[in-house]
Amino acid sequence: MGGMGRWEPNARGRLEQAAMALFETRGYDRTTVEEIAARAGLTERTFFRYFADKREVLFGGAKDLERLIIDTIVHVPPATAPLDAVTAALQATASMFEERRGYARKRRGIIAAHAELRGRELIKLASLAAAIAQSLRRRGVAASVADLSAELGIAIFRNAFERWVDDKEQRALSRHIQAAVQELKAVAAGTGTSSSRVRTTNPSRRTSSKSR
């Protein structure tokens, strides 16, 4: 059955944590797969069971994210408007990230510092947008509307995710998604203002929120 490390529990998580620690201390470019596996207490063979290369450690959850989004779109009521279906799918992903805010913040910093990784991020997002658009077309949505709804969904997700990562009040990603959708609709209606995000806070906090 191969090496002992091959069957270790939570190997993917251990590899992700080991890689992130090494990327931070040694730098992404200087870190090797061998070092990541060793730090995780696993073998290189185990590493390659989960990731094609060290770059993919930072993007390993992309397929799981895509599956959840598409599955949610498939199961929303037939009469749901395309953008509302996409929004529901984005909301469904929030629980995947809530315990990983710190990891997401570190990951963002590493990706921002490397053009290769920034390019990979854009490719992954484009692939997700294409999958969302295809799912909408299968629901009978016109191609142009499906494409636009998918692109808007990606814009909403990126906007909300950035806010969530930086949120010192540790509010849920779902609230930031809701706020981004509200602001998008306000902009489309010509009523968008810089204070529209106060809807994510409690009424007692509105005064302080407006001053941010």
Protein backbone atom coordinates (compact mmCIF):
# COMPACT_ATOMS: atom_id res chain seq x y z
CA MET A 1 0.00 0.00 0.00
CA GLY A 2 2.95 2.34 -0.19
CA GLY A 3 4.54 4.57 2.39
CA MET A 4 3.00 5.23 5.74
CA GLY A 5 2.57 8.93 4.97
CA ARG A 6 0.29 8.09 2.09
CA TRP A 7 -2.50 7.17 4.47
CA GLU A 8 -2.01 9.81 7.14
CA PRO A 9 -5.24 11.59 8.11
CA ASN A 10 -5.76 15.15 6.92
CA ALA A 11 -2.70 14.95 4.70
CA ARG A 12 -3.97 17.73 2.45
CA GLY A 13 -4.40 20.12 5.36
CA ARG A 14 -0.98 19.29 6.75
CA LEU A 15 0.62 19.90 3.38
CA GLU A 16 -1.17 23.22 3.02
CA GLN A 17 -0.04 24.35 6.46
CA ALA A 18 3.53 23.21 5.86
CA ALA A 19 3.69 24.94 2.49
CA MET A 20 2.31 28.18 3.85
CA ALA A 21 4.81 28.18 6.71
CA LEU A 22 7.69 27.61 4.30
CA PHE A 23 6.45 30.15 1.78
CA GLU A 24 6.45 32.72 4.57
CA THR A 25 9.84 31.87 6.06
CA ARG A 26 11.86 30.75 3.01
CA GLY A 27 9.91 32.43 0.26
CA TYR A 28 7.74 30.83 -2.41
CA ASP A 29 10.49 30.61 -5.02
CA ARG A 30 13.00 28.93 -2.72
CA THR A 31 10.61 26.35 -1.27
CA THR A 32 10.64 22.86 -2.78
CA VAL A 33 8.08 20.08 -2.80
CA GLU A 34 10.55 17.91 -0.90
CA GLU A 35 10.72 20.50 1.89
CA ILE A 36 6.95 20.85 2.07
CA ALA A 37 6.44 17.10 2.36
CA ALA A 38 9.18 16.77 4.96
CA ARG A 39 7.78 19.56 7.11
CA ALA A 40 4.33 17.93 6.97
CA GLY A 41 5.86 14.58 7.97
CA LEU A 42 4.80 13.02 4.68
CA THR A 43 6.43 11.76 1.51
CA GLU A 44 6.77 13.50 -1.84
CA ARG A 45 4.62 10.73 -3.28
CA THR A 46 1.86 11.73 -0.89
CA PHE A 47 2.26 15.36 -1.91
CA PHE A 48 1.69 14.51 -5.56
CA ARG A 49 -1.44 12.56 -4.70
CA TYR A 50 -3.02 15.88 -3.73
CA PHE A 51 -1.20 18.54 -5.75
CA ALA A 52 0.38 18.65 -9.20
CA ASP A 53 3.07 21.08 -8.01
CA LYS A 54 3.77 23.54 -5.20
CA ARG A 55 1.77 26.22 -6.97
CA GLU A 56 -1.36 24.14 -6.73
CA VAL A 57 -1.14 24.07 -2.94
CA LEU A 58 -2.48 27.63 -3.08
CA PHE A 59 -5.29 26.67 -5.46
CA GLY A 60 -6.09 23.14 -4.36
CA GLY A 61 -9.63 23.92 -3.25
CA ALA A 62 -10.72 25.38 -6.58
CA LYS A 63 -12.50 22.25 -7.79
CA ASP A 64 -14.35 21.77 -4.51
CA LEU A 65 -15.46 25.39 -4.67
CA GLU A 66 -16.63 25.01 -8.25
CA ARG A 67 -18.58 21.82 -7.47
CA LEU A 68 -20.40 23.44 -4.58
CA ILE A 69 -21.31 26.52 -6.60
CA ILE A 70 -22.57 24.51 -9.57
CA ASP A 71 -24.50 22.07 -7.38
CA THR A 72 -26.23 24.98 -5.65
CA ILE A 73 -27.17 26.63 -8.95
CA VAL A 74 -28.59 23.35 -10.18
CA HIS A 75 -30.87 23.06 -7.16
CA VAL A 76 -32.21 26.60 -6.75
CA PRO A 77 -35.89 26.99 -7.74
CA PRO A 78 -36.43 27.20 -11.53
CA ALA A 79 -37.95 30.68 -11.34
CA THR A 80 -34.89 32.16 -9.61
CA ALA A 81 -33.31 35.02 -11.56
CA PRO A 82 -29.82 34.22 -12.90
CA LEU A 83 -27.90 36.64 -10.67
CA ASP A 84 -29.93 35.55 -7.64
CA ALA A 85 -29.04 31.94 -8.40
CA VAL A 86 -25.37 32.86 -8.56
CA THR A 87 -25.67 34.83 -5.32
CA ALA A 88 -27.25 31.84 -3.58
CA ALA A 89 -24.36 29.70 -4.80
CA LEU A 90 -21.79 32.18 -3.50
CA GLN A 91 -23.53 32.26 -0.13
CA ALA A 92 -23.35 28.48 0.01
CA THR A 93 -19.55 28.65 -0.17
CA ALA A 94 -19.16 30.90 2.89
CA SER A 95 -18.88 28.02 5.34
CA MET A 96 -15.87 26.67 3.42
CA PHE A 97 -13.83 29.72 4.38
CA GLU A 98 -14.95 30.87 7.82
CA GLU A 99 -12.27 28.97 9.74
CA ARG A 100 -9.55 29.91 7.24
CA ARG A 101 -9.48 33.70 7.38
CA GLY A 102 -5.89 33.80 8.62
CA TYR A 103 -4.80 31.33 5.95
CA ALA A 104 -6.63 33.33 3.28
CA ARG A 105 -4.83 36.51 4.36
CA LYS A 106 -1.41 34.85 4.13
CA ARG A 107 -2.31 33.23 0.82
CA ARG A 108 -3.34 36.57 -0.64
CA GLY A 109 -0.02 38.11 0.30
CA ILE A 110 1.98 35.33 -1.34
CA ILE A 111 -0.05 35.46 -4.54
CA ALA A 112 0.18 39.25 -4.73
CA ALA A 113 3.97 39.05 -4.59
CA HIS A 114 4.33 36.70 -7.59
CA ALA A 115 3.17 37.45 -11.12
CA GLU A 116 3.02 33.73 -11.92
CA LEU A 117 0.57 33.16 -9.08
CA ARG A 118 -1.49 36.22 -9.93
CA GLY A 119 -1.86 34.85 -13.43
CA ARG A 120 -2.85 31.46 -12.08
CA GLU A 121 -5.48 33.09 -9.88
CA LEU A 122 -7.01 34.83 -12.90
CA ILE A 123 -7.06 31.57 -14.84
CA LYS A 124 -8.84 29.81 -11.97
CA LEU A 125 -11.43 32.59 -11.70
CA ALA A 126 -12.02 32.56 -15.46
CA SER A 127 -12.54 28.80 -15.32
CA LEU A 128 -15.03 29.23 -12.48
CA ALA A 129 -16.90 31.94 -14.40
CA ALA A 130 -17.13 29.65 -17.43
CA ALA A 131 -18.50 26.81 -15.31
CA ILE A 132 -21.10 29.11 -13.72
CA ALA A 133 -22.19 30.42 -17.13
CA GLN A 134 -22.54 26.88 -18.47
CA SER A 135 -24.63 25.90 -15.46
CA LEU A 136 -26.94 28.86 -16.04
CA ARG A 137 -27.31 28.04 -19.73
CA ARG A 138 -28.38 24.55 -18.77
CA ARG A 139 -31.16 26.18 -16.76
CA GLY A 140 -32.38 27.84 -19.96
CA VAL A 141 -30.74 31.22 -19.41
CA ALA A 142 -29.72 33.01 -22.61
CA ALA A 143 -25.99 32.76 -23.28
CA SER A 144 -25.33 36.50 -23.05
CA VAL A 145 -27.22 36.76 -19.76
CA ALA A 146 -25.53 33.67 -18.39
CA ASP A 147 -22.09 35.03 -19.24
CA LEU A 148 -22.83 38.43 -17.71
CA SER A 149 -24.33 36.91 -14.55
CA ALA A 150 -21.29 34.68 -14.15
CA GLU A 151 -18.86 37.57 -14.53
CA LEU A 152 -20.84 39.65 -12.06
CA GLY A 153 -20.82 36.73 -9.67
CA ILE A 154 -17.02 36.55 -9.81
CA ALA A 155 -16.79 40.31 -9.24
CA ILE A 156 -19.12 40.03 -6.23
CA PHE A 157 -17.12 37.16 -4.79
CA ARG A 158 -13.77 38.90 -5.19
CA ASN A 159 -15.08 42.12 -3.67
CA ALA A 160 -16.68 40.32 -0.73
CA PHE A 161 -13.69 38.08 -0.15
CA GLU A 162 -11.30 41.04 0.06
CA ARG A 163 -13.55 42.75 2.59
CA TRP A 164 -13.87 39.56 4.60
CA VAL A 165 -10.14 38.96 4.75
CA ASP A 166 -9.52 42.52 5.99
CA ASP A 167 -12.53 42.76 8.31
CA LYS A 168 -11.23 43.57 11.80
CA GLU A 169 -14.69 42.88 13.23
CA GLN A 170 -14.50 39.30 11.93
CA ARG A 171 -17.91 39.41 10.29
CA ALA A 172 -19.03 36.43 8.25
CA LEU A 173 -18.22 36.13 4.57
CA SER A 174 -21.94 35.71 3.86
CA ARG A 175 -22.57 39.23 5.15
CA HIS A 176 -19.91 40.65 2.88
CA ILE A 177 -21.38 38.80 -0.08
CA GLN A 178 -24.78 40.26 0.74
CA ALA A 179 -23.29 43.75 1.02
CA ALA A 180 -21.49 43.42 -2.32
CA VAL A 181 -24.70 42.31 -4.03
CA GLN A 182 -26.62 45.23 -2.53
CA GLU A 183 -23.99 47.69 -3.67
CA LEU A 184 -23.91 46.23 -7.17
CA LYS A 185 -27.67 46.57 -7.45
CA ALA A 186 -27.48 50.13 -6.11
CA VAL A 187 -24.83 51.04 -8.68
CA ALA A 188 -26.92 49.49 -11.47
CA ALA A 189 -29.91 51.53 -10.29
CA GLY A 190 -27.84 54.70 -10.13
CA THR A 191 -28.29 55.02 -6.38
CA GLY A 192 -24.99 53.59 -5.14
CA THR A 193 -23.20 55.50 -2.39
CA SER A 194 -20.07 54.91 -0.38
CA SER A 195 -22.14 54.34 2.74
CA SER A 196 -24.24 51.48 1.37
CA ARG A 197 -22.08 48.90 3.14
CA VAL A 198 -23.50 49.89 6.54
CA ARG A 199 -26.22 47.34 5.85
CA THR A 200 -23.78 44.68 7.00
CA THR A 201 -23.65 46.13 10.51
CA ASN A 202 -26.06 46.35 13.39
CA PRO A 203 -28.12 49.55 13.66
CA SER A 204 -26.18 50.56 16.77
CA ARG A 205 -22.97 50.53 14.71
CA ARG A 206 -24.18 52.56 11.77
CA THR A 207 -22.69 55.81 12.92
CA SER A 208 -19.20 54.36 13.30
CA SER A 209 -19.52 52.37 10.06
CA LYS A 210 -20.24 55.48 8.03
CA SER A 211 -17.02 57.06 9.18
CA ARG A 212 -14.84 54.23 7.85
